[in-house]
Amino acid sequence: MLYQARNRIHAGALLLTHPLAGSVKPGESPYRSVALDEREGALDMCSLEVIEGAIDRFNTIIAGARQRSYDEQTLQDFQLIDYQLLRSGLDSIDPALTRELPSIRI
């Protein structure tokens, strides 16, 4: 997924949320959402540097990690964490972005 985001950035998209936000280490969670502004335009070098750094960090961490297997409840917990991190990132950019998203409470 990080590679797909990088490809969109090369096509002119702007990275809105950091791919390594939050306290969940890459390789621990099977979920990692990022938000992009799909505008078309010149390559944003800041977005490219951030996504390339995230890809490098992710590859470094998972290179030595063992393959993890999670039960359904744990996967749902990781989905909730990922959703809340993405929602928080979007809300910090512009609260209007999250008005239509459902609130999930634990």
Protein backbone atom coordinates (compact mmCIF):
# COMPACT_ATOMS: atom_id res chain seq x y z
CA MET A 1 0.00 0.00 0.00
CA LEU A 2 2.84 2.43 0.70
CA TYR A 3 4.12 1.75 -2.81
CA GLN A 4 0.71 2.60 -4.25
CA ALA A 5 0.71 5.87 -2.31
CA ARG A 6 4.21 6.62 -3.62
CA ASN A 7 3.04 5.99 -7.19
CA ARG A 8 0.11 8.41 -6.70
CA ILE A 9 2.51 11.01 -5.29
CA HIS A 10 4.68 10.64 -8.40
CA ALA A 11 1.51 11.37 -10.40
CA GLY A 12 0.95 14.62 -8.46
CA ALA A 13 -0.97 13.59 -5.34
CA LEU A 14 -0.17 15.29 -2.05
CA LEU A 15 0.39 13.28 1.12
CA LEU A 16 -2.04 14.48 3.81
CA THR A 17 -1.27 12.10 6.69
CA HIS A 18 2.02 10.59 7.75
CA PRO A 19 2.23 6.86 6.98
CA LEU A 20 4.00 6.09 10.27
CA ALA A 21 1.73 8.12 12.57
CA GLY A 22 0.78 6.69 15.93
CA SER A 23 2.46 4.35 18.34
CA VAL A 24 1.88 1.13 16.39
CA LYS A 25 5.18 0.02 14.92
CA PRO A 26 5.34 -0.98 11.26
CA GLY A 27 5.23 -4.74 11.00
CA GLU A 28 3.05 -5.14 14.11
CA SER A 29 -0.22 -4.13 12.49
CA PRO A 30 -1.41 -5.43 9.14
CA TYR A 31 -3.15 -2.07 8.55
CA ARG A 32 -1.57 1.24 7.58
CA SER A 33 -3.82 3.88 6.06
CA VAL A 34 -2.69 7.14 4.52
CA ALA A 35 -4.70 10.01 3.09
CA LEU A 36 -3.80 11.65 -0.21
CA ASP A 37 -5.10 14.72 -1.97
CA GLU A 38 -5.54 13.39 -5.49
CA ARG A 39 -4.94 16.71 -7.22
CA GLU A 40 -2.89 16.65 -10.37
CA GLY A 41 0.13 18.85 -10.55
CA ALA A 42 3.84 18.99 -10.03
CA LEU A 43 5.58 16.39 -7.91
CA ASP A 44 5.56 17.46 -4.26
CA MET A 45 9.06 16.69 -3.03
CA CYS A 46 8.09 16.87 0.66
CA SER A 47 5.39 14.20 0.14
CA LEU A 48 7.84 12.08 -1.82
CA GLU A 49 10.53 12.32 0.87
CA VAL A 50 8.06 11.37 3.61
CA ILE A 51 6.66 8.35 1.75
CA GLU A 52 10.13 7.16 0.68
CA GLY A 53 11.33 7.44 4.29
CA ALA A 54 8.31 5.49 5.49
CA ILE A 55 8.91 2.76 2.92
CA ASP A 56 12.57 2.50 3.95
CA ARG A 57 11.65 2.35 7.64
CA PHE A 58 8.94 -0.23 7.03
CA ASN A 59 11.26 -2.43 4.98
CA THR A 60 14.00 -2.20 7.62
CA ILE A 61 11.64 -3.21 10.41
CA ILE A 62 9.89 -6.06 8.61
CA ALA A 63 13.13 -7.46 7.17
CA GLY A 64 14.03 -8.93 10.56
CA ALA A 65 10.50 -9.54 11.81
CA ARG A 66 8.80 -12.88 11.90
CA GLN A 67 5.48 -13.35 10.14
CA ARG A 68 2.69 -12.67 12.61
CA SER A 69 -0.71 -14.27 12.71
CA TYR A 70 -3.61 -12.63 14.55
CA ASP A 71 -7.04 -13.85 15.62
CA GLU A 72 -10.15 -12.06 14.34
CA GLN A 73 -10.61 -9.92 17.46
CA THR A 74 -7.03 -8.66 17.31
CA LEU A 75 -7.44 -7.84 13.61
CA GLN A 76 -10.57 -5.85 14.44
CA ASP A 77 -8.65 -4.02 17.17
CA PHE A 78 -5.91 -3.10 14.68
CA GLN A 79 -8.57 -1.91 12.21
CA LEU A 80 -10.05 0.35 14.89
CA ILE A 81 -6.64 1.77 15.80
CA ASP A 82 -5.86 2.44 12.14
CA TYR A 83 -9.25 4.08 11.59
CA GLN A 84 -8.87 6.30 14.65
CA LEU A 85 -5.34 7.37 13.62
CA LEU A 86 -6.54 8.22 10.12
CA ARG A 87 -9.58 10.05 11.43
CA SER A 88 -7.45 12.04 13.88
CA GLY A 89 -5.02 13.00 11.12
CA LEU A 90 -7.80 14.16 8.83
CA ASP A 91 -9.51 16.03 11.66
CA SER A 92 -6.31 17.93 12.42
CA ILE A 93 -6.13 19.03 8.77
CA ASP A 94 -9.77 20.08 8.49
CA PRO A 95 -12.61 18.95 10.77
CA ALA A 96 -14.97 19.09 7.78
CA LEU A 97 -13.15 16.07 6.34
CA THR A 98 -14.38 13.84 9.14
CA ARG A 99 -17.93 15.12 9.64
CA GLU A 100 -19.40 12.37 7.45
CA LEU A 101 -17.26 9.59 8.91
CA PRO A 102 -18.84 7.44 11.61
CA SER A 103 -17.58 7.82 15.17
CA ILE A 104 -16.55 4.53 16.70
CA ARG A 105 -16.25 4.34 20.44
CA ILE A 106 -14.70 1.54 22.40
